[in-house]
Amino acid sequence: MEHSRKTPPDLVEHLGMLSHDLSNSLETILQAAYLLQEAKLEGTHKKWARMIDTAAREATHTNREIRKILEKQSTVVGQSPALSDAKD
């Protein structure tokens, strides 16, 4: 018999709030990376701007996957307001 592990509601809520805050920070980084790329950078500066953009996009994807897991947990333990207010 398989036992499913349930995450305590307060932990799901806290992780949801942290994920939401991380989303806000990543959005700022993505916007700054976009503006840097619009600045017509040359050589290594352009490379660094691209690396920042790529890393922020990967982090956004990872955060979205974390939120999916938390959303599944929140349906088990009760809906988390931190997860319901922002969908990446």
N, C-alpha and C. Protein backbone atom coordinates (compact mmCIF):
# COMPACT_ATOMS: atom_id res chain seq x y z
N MET A 1 0.84 -1.18 0.00
CA MET A 1 0.00 0.00 0.00
C MET A 1 0.89 1.24 0.00
N GLU A 2 0.59 2.17 -0.89
CA GLU A 2 1.39 3.39 -1.02
C GLU A 2 0.79 4.49 -0.16
N HIS A 3 1.65 5.14 0.62
CA HIS A 3 1.21 6.25 1.46
C HIS A 3 1.60 7.56 0.77
N SER A 4 0.62 8.45 0.60
CA SER A 4 0.97 9.75 0.04
C SER A 4 1.33 10.68 1.19
N ARG A 5 2.41 11.41 1.00
CA ARG A 5 2.86 12.33 2.04
C ARG A 5 2.17 13.67 1.82
N LYS A 6 1.60 14.19 2.85
CA LYS A 6 0.90 15.47 2.78
C LYS A 6 1.77 16.54 3.44
N THR A 7 1.88 17.65 2.75
CA THR A 7 2.65 18.77 3.28
C THR A 7 1.73 19.58 4.19
N PRO A 8 2.20 19.97 5.37
CA PRO A 8 1.36 20.76 6.26
C PRO A 8 0.88 22.05 5.60
N PRO A 9 -0.37 22.45 5.84
CA PRO A 9 -0.93 23.65 5.19
C PRO A 9 -0.09 24.90 5.40
N ASP A 10 0.46 25.09 6.58
CA ASP A 10 1.25 26.30 6.82
C ASP A 10 2.54 26.30 5.99
N LEU A 11 3.11 25.13 5.75
CA LEU A 11 4.30 25.04 4.92
C LEU A 11 3.96 25.31 3.46
N VAL A 12 2.85 24.77 2.98
CA VAL A 12 2.41 25.03 1.61
C VAL A 12 2.18 26.52 1.43
N GLU A 13 1.53 27.14 2.41
CA GLU A 13 1.27 28.58 2.35
C GLU A 13 2.57 29.38 2.31
N HIS A 14 3.50 29.05 3.17
CA HIS A 14 4.77 29.76 3.23
C HIS A 14 5.57 29.59 1.93
N LEU A 15 5.63 28.37 1.43
CA LEU A 15 6.34 28.13 0.17
C LEU A 15 5.66 28.85 -0.98
N GLY A 16 4.34 28.91 -0.96
CA GLY A 16 3.61 29.64 -1.99
C GLY A 16 3.93 31.13 -1.97
N MET A 17 4.04 31.70 -0.78
CA MET A 17 4.38 33.11 -0.66
C MET A 17 5.81 33.36 -1.14
N LEU A 18 6.73 32.47 -0.78
CA LEU A 18 8.11 32.61 -1.25
C LEU A 18 8.19 32.50 -2.77
N SER A 19 7.44 31.57 -3.34
CA SER A 19 7.42 31.39 -4.79
C SER A 19 6.86 32.64 -5.47
N HIS A 20 5.84 33.21 -4.88
CA HIS A 20 5.26 34.45 -5.42
C HIS A 20 6.28 35.58 -5.39
N ASP A 21 6.99 35.73 -4.28
CA ASP A 21 8.02 36.76 -4.17
C ASP A 21 9.14 36.51 -5.17
N LEU A 22 9.52 35.25 -5.34
CA LEU A 22 10.55 34.91 -6.33
C LEU A 22 10.08 35.29 -7.73
N SER A 23 8.82 35.04 -8.04
CA SER A 23 8.27 35.42 -9.35
C SER A 23 8.40 36.92 -9.58
N ASN A 24 8.12 37.71 -8.56
CA ASN A 24 8.24 39.16 -8.69
C ASN A 24 9.68 39.57 -8.98
N SER A 25 10.63 38.98 -8.27
CA SER A 25 12.05 39.30 -8.49
C SER A 25 12.49 38.87 -9.88
N LEU A 26 12.08 37.69 -10.31
CA LEU A 26 12.45 37.21 -11.63
C LEU A 26 11.87 38.09 -12.73
N GLU A 27 10.67 38.60 -12.52
CA GLU A 27 10.07 39.50 -13.50
C GLU A 27 10.92 40.76 -13.68
N THR A 28 11.42 41.29 -12.58
CA THR A 28 12.29 42.47 -12.65
C THR A 28 13.58 42.15 -13.41
N ILE A 29 14.16 41.00 -13.14
CA ILE A 29 15.39 40.59 -13.82
C ILE A 29 15.13 40.41 -15.32
N LEU A 30 14.01 39.78 -15.66
CA LEU A 30 13.68 39.59 -17.08
C LEU A 30 13.47 40.92 -17.78
N GLN A 31 12.82 41.86 -17.13
CA GLN A 31 12.61 43.17 -17.74
C GLN A 31 13.93 43.90 -17.93
N ALA A 32 14.82 43.83 -16.93
CA ALA A 32 16.13 44.47 -17.05
C ALA A 32 16.96 43.82 -18.16
N ALA A 33 16.90 42.50 -18.26
CA ALA A 33 17.64 41.79 -19.31
C ALA A 33 17.13 42.20 -20.69
N TYR A 34 15.82 42.34 -20.81
CA TYR A 34 15.23 42.78 -22.08
C TYR A 34 15.74 44.18 -22.44
N LEU A 35 15.72 45.08 -21.46
CA LEU A 35 16.19 46.44 -21.72
C LEU A 35 17.67 46.47 -22.08
N LEU A 36 18.47 45.63 -21.44
CA LEU A 36 19.88 45.55 -21.79
C LEU A 36 20.07 45.10 -23.23
N GLN A 37 19.26 44.12 -23.64
CA GLN A 37 19.39 43.62 -25.01
C GLN A 37 18.94 44.67 -26.03
N GLU A 38 18.02 45.54 -25.64
CA GLU A 38 17.57 46.61 -26.51
C GLU A 38 18.62 47.72 -26.64
N ALA A 39 19.61 47.73 -25.75
CA ALA A 39 20.63 48.78 -25.73
C ALA A 39 21.72 48.57 -26.79
N LYS A 40 21.57 47.60 -27.64
CA LYS A 40 22.54 47.35 -28.72
C LYS A 40 23.94 47.13 -28.17
N LEU A 41 24.05 46.23 -27.25
CA LEU A 41 25.35 45.92 -26.66
C LEU A 41 26.22 45.17 -27.66
N GLU A 42 27.51 45.22 -27.44
CA GLU A 42 28.48 44.56 -28.32
C GLU A 42 29.28 43.52 -27.55
N GLY A 43 29.78 42.54 -28.25
CA GLY A 43 30.72 41.55 -27.72
C GLY A 43 30.30 40.86 -26.44
N THR A 44 31.20 40.89 -25.47
CA THR A 44 30.95 40.16 -24.23
C THR A 44 29.79 40.75 -23.43
N HIS A 45 29.54 42.06 -23.58
CA HIS A 45 28.41 42.66 -22.88
C HIS A 45 27.09 42.05 -23.36
N LYS A 46 27.01 41.84 -24.65
CA LYS A 46 25.82 41.22 -25.22
C LYS A 46 25.68 39.78 -24.73
N LYS A 47 26.80 39.09 -24.66
CA LYS A 47 26.81 37.71 -24.17
C LYS A 47 26.32 37.64 -22.73
N TRP A 48 26.79 38.55 -21.88
CA TRP A 48 26.38 38.56 -20.47
C TRP A 48 24.89 38.86 -20.35
N ALA A 49 24.39 39.80 -21.13
CA ALA A 49 22.96 40.13 -21.10
C ALA A 49 22.12 38.92 -21.50
N ARG A 50 22.59 38.19 -22.52
CA ARG A 50 21.89 36.98 -22.96
C ARG A 50 21.91 35.91 -21.87
N MET A 51 23.07 35.77 -21.21
CA MET A 51 23.18 34.78 -20.13
C MET A 51 22.23 35.11 -18.98
N ILE A 52 22.12 36.39 -18.63
CA ILE A 52 21.20 36.80 -17.57
C ILE A 52 19.77 36.46 -17.97
N ASP A 53 19.40 36.78 -19.20
CA ASP A 53 18.05 36.50 -19.69
C ASP A 53 17.77 35.00 -19.67
N THR A 54 18.69 34.20 -20.17
CA THR A 54 18.51 32.74 -20.20
C THR A 54 18.36 32.17 -18.80
N ALA A 55 19.23 32.59 -17.88
CA ALA A 55 19.16 32.09 -16.51
C ALA A 55 17.85 32.48 -15.83
N ALA A 56 17.40 33.71 -16.06
CA ALA A 56 16.14 34.15 -15.46
C ALA A 56 14.96 33.36 -16.03
N ARG A 57 14.99 33.09 -17.33
CA ARG A 57 13.91 32.29 -17.93
C ARG A 57 13.90 30.86 -17.39
N GLU A 58 15.09 30.29 -17.20
CA GLU A 58 15.17 28.94 -16.63
C GLU A 58 14.68 28.94 -15.18
N ALA A 59 15.04 29.96 -14.42
CA ALA A 59 14.58 30.06 -13.04
C ALA A 59 13.06 30.24 -12.98
N THR A 60 12.52 31.00 -13.93
CA THR A 60 11.06 31.19 -14.00
C THR A 60 10.37 29.86 -14.28
N HIS A 61 10.93 29.09 -15.18
CA HIS A 61 10.37 27.77 -15.49
C HIS A 61 10.42 26.86 -14.26
N THR A 62 11.55 26.86 -13.58
CA THR A 62 11.69 26.04 -12.37
C THR A 62 10.69 26.48 -11.31
N ASN A 63 10.53 27.78 -11.13
CA ASN A 63 9.58 28.29 -10.15
C ASN A 63 8.15 27.90 -10.52
N ARG A 64 7.84 27.91 -11.81
CA ARG A 64 6.51 27.49 -12.27
C ARG A 64 6.25 26.02 -11.93
N GLU A 65 7.27 25.18 -12.10
CA GLU A 65 7.14 23.76 -11.75
C GLU A 65 6.92 23.59 -10.25
N ILE A 66 7.64 24.38 -9.45
CA ILE A 66 7.46 24.33 -7.99
C ILE A 66 6.03 24.72 -7.65
N ARG A 67 5.51 25.76 -8.30
CA ARG A 67 4.14 26.20 -8.02
C ARG A 67 3.12 25.13 -8.38
N LYS A 68 3.38 24.40 -9.46
CA LYS A 68 2.46 23.30 -9.83
C LYS A 68 2.41 22.26 -8.72
N ILE A 69 3.57 21.91 -8.18
CA ILE A 69 3.63 20.94 -7.08
C ILE A 69 2.88 21.49 -5.88
N LEU A 70 3.12 22.75 -5.55
CA LEU A 70 2.44 23.35 -4.40
C LEU A 70 0.93 23.43 -4.61
N GLU A 71 0.51 23.71 -5.83
CA GLU A 71 -0.93 23.75 -6.12
C GLU A 71 -1.57 22.38 -5.90
N LYS A 72 -0.87 21.33 -6.30
CA LYS A 72 -1.39 19.97 -6.04
C LYS A 72 -1.49 19.71 -4.55
N GLN A 73 -0.47 20.14 -3.80
CA GLN A 73 -0.49 19.98 -2.35
C GLN A 73 -1.61 20.80 -1.73
N SER A 74 -1.85 22.00 -2.27
CA SER A 74 -2.87 22.86 -1.68
C SER A 74 -4.26 22.28 -1.89
N THR A 75 -4.46 21.49 -2.95
CA THR A 75 -5.77 20.86 -3.13
C THR A 75 -5.95 19.73 -2.12
N VAL A 76 -4.84 19.20 -1.62
CA VAL A 76 -4.91 18.15 -0.60
C VAL A 76 -5.16 18.76 0.77
N VAL A 77 -4.51 19.89 1.07
CA VAL A 77 -4.57 20.47 2.41
C VAL A 77 -5.43 21.73 2.49
N GLY A 78 -6.02 22.16 1.39
CA GLY A 78 -6.81 23.38 1.39
C GLY A 78 -6.13 24.44 0.54
N GLN A 79 -6.91 25.19 -0.22
CA GLN A 79 -6.35 26.15 -1.16
C GLN A 79 -5.49 27.21 -0.48
N SER A 80 -4.35 27.47 -1.06
CA SER A 80 -3.42 28.47 -0.57
C SER A 80 -3.66 29.80 -1.29
N PRO A 81 -3.97 30.87 -0.56
CA PRO A 81 -4.16 32.17 -1.22
C PRO A 81 -2.92 32.63 -1.99
N ALA A 82 -1.76 32.30 -1.50
CA ALA A 82 -0.53 32.73 -2.18
C ALA A 82 -0.39 32.07 -3.54
N LEU A 83 -0.98 30.91 -3.72
CA LEU A 83 -0.90 30.22 -5.00
C LEU A 83 -2.03 30.63 -5.93
N SER A 84 -3.14 31.08 -5.38
CA SER A 84 -4.28 31.38 -6.22
C SER A 84 -4.25 32.78 -6.82
N ASP A 85 -3.44 33.68 -6.25
CA ASP A 85 -3.47 35.06 -6.73
C ASP A 85 -2.58 35.34 -7.93
N ALA A 86 -1.60 34.49 -8.18
CA ALA A 86 -0.69 34.76 -9.30
C ALA A 86 -0.36 33.46 -10.03
N LYS A 87 -0.66 33.47 -11.30
CA LYS A 87 -0.31 32.33 -12.15
C LYS A 87 0.76 32.79 -13.11
N ASP A 88 1.96 32.19 -13.01
CA ASP A 88 3.09 32.62 -13.86
C ASP A 88 2.79 32.40 -15.31
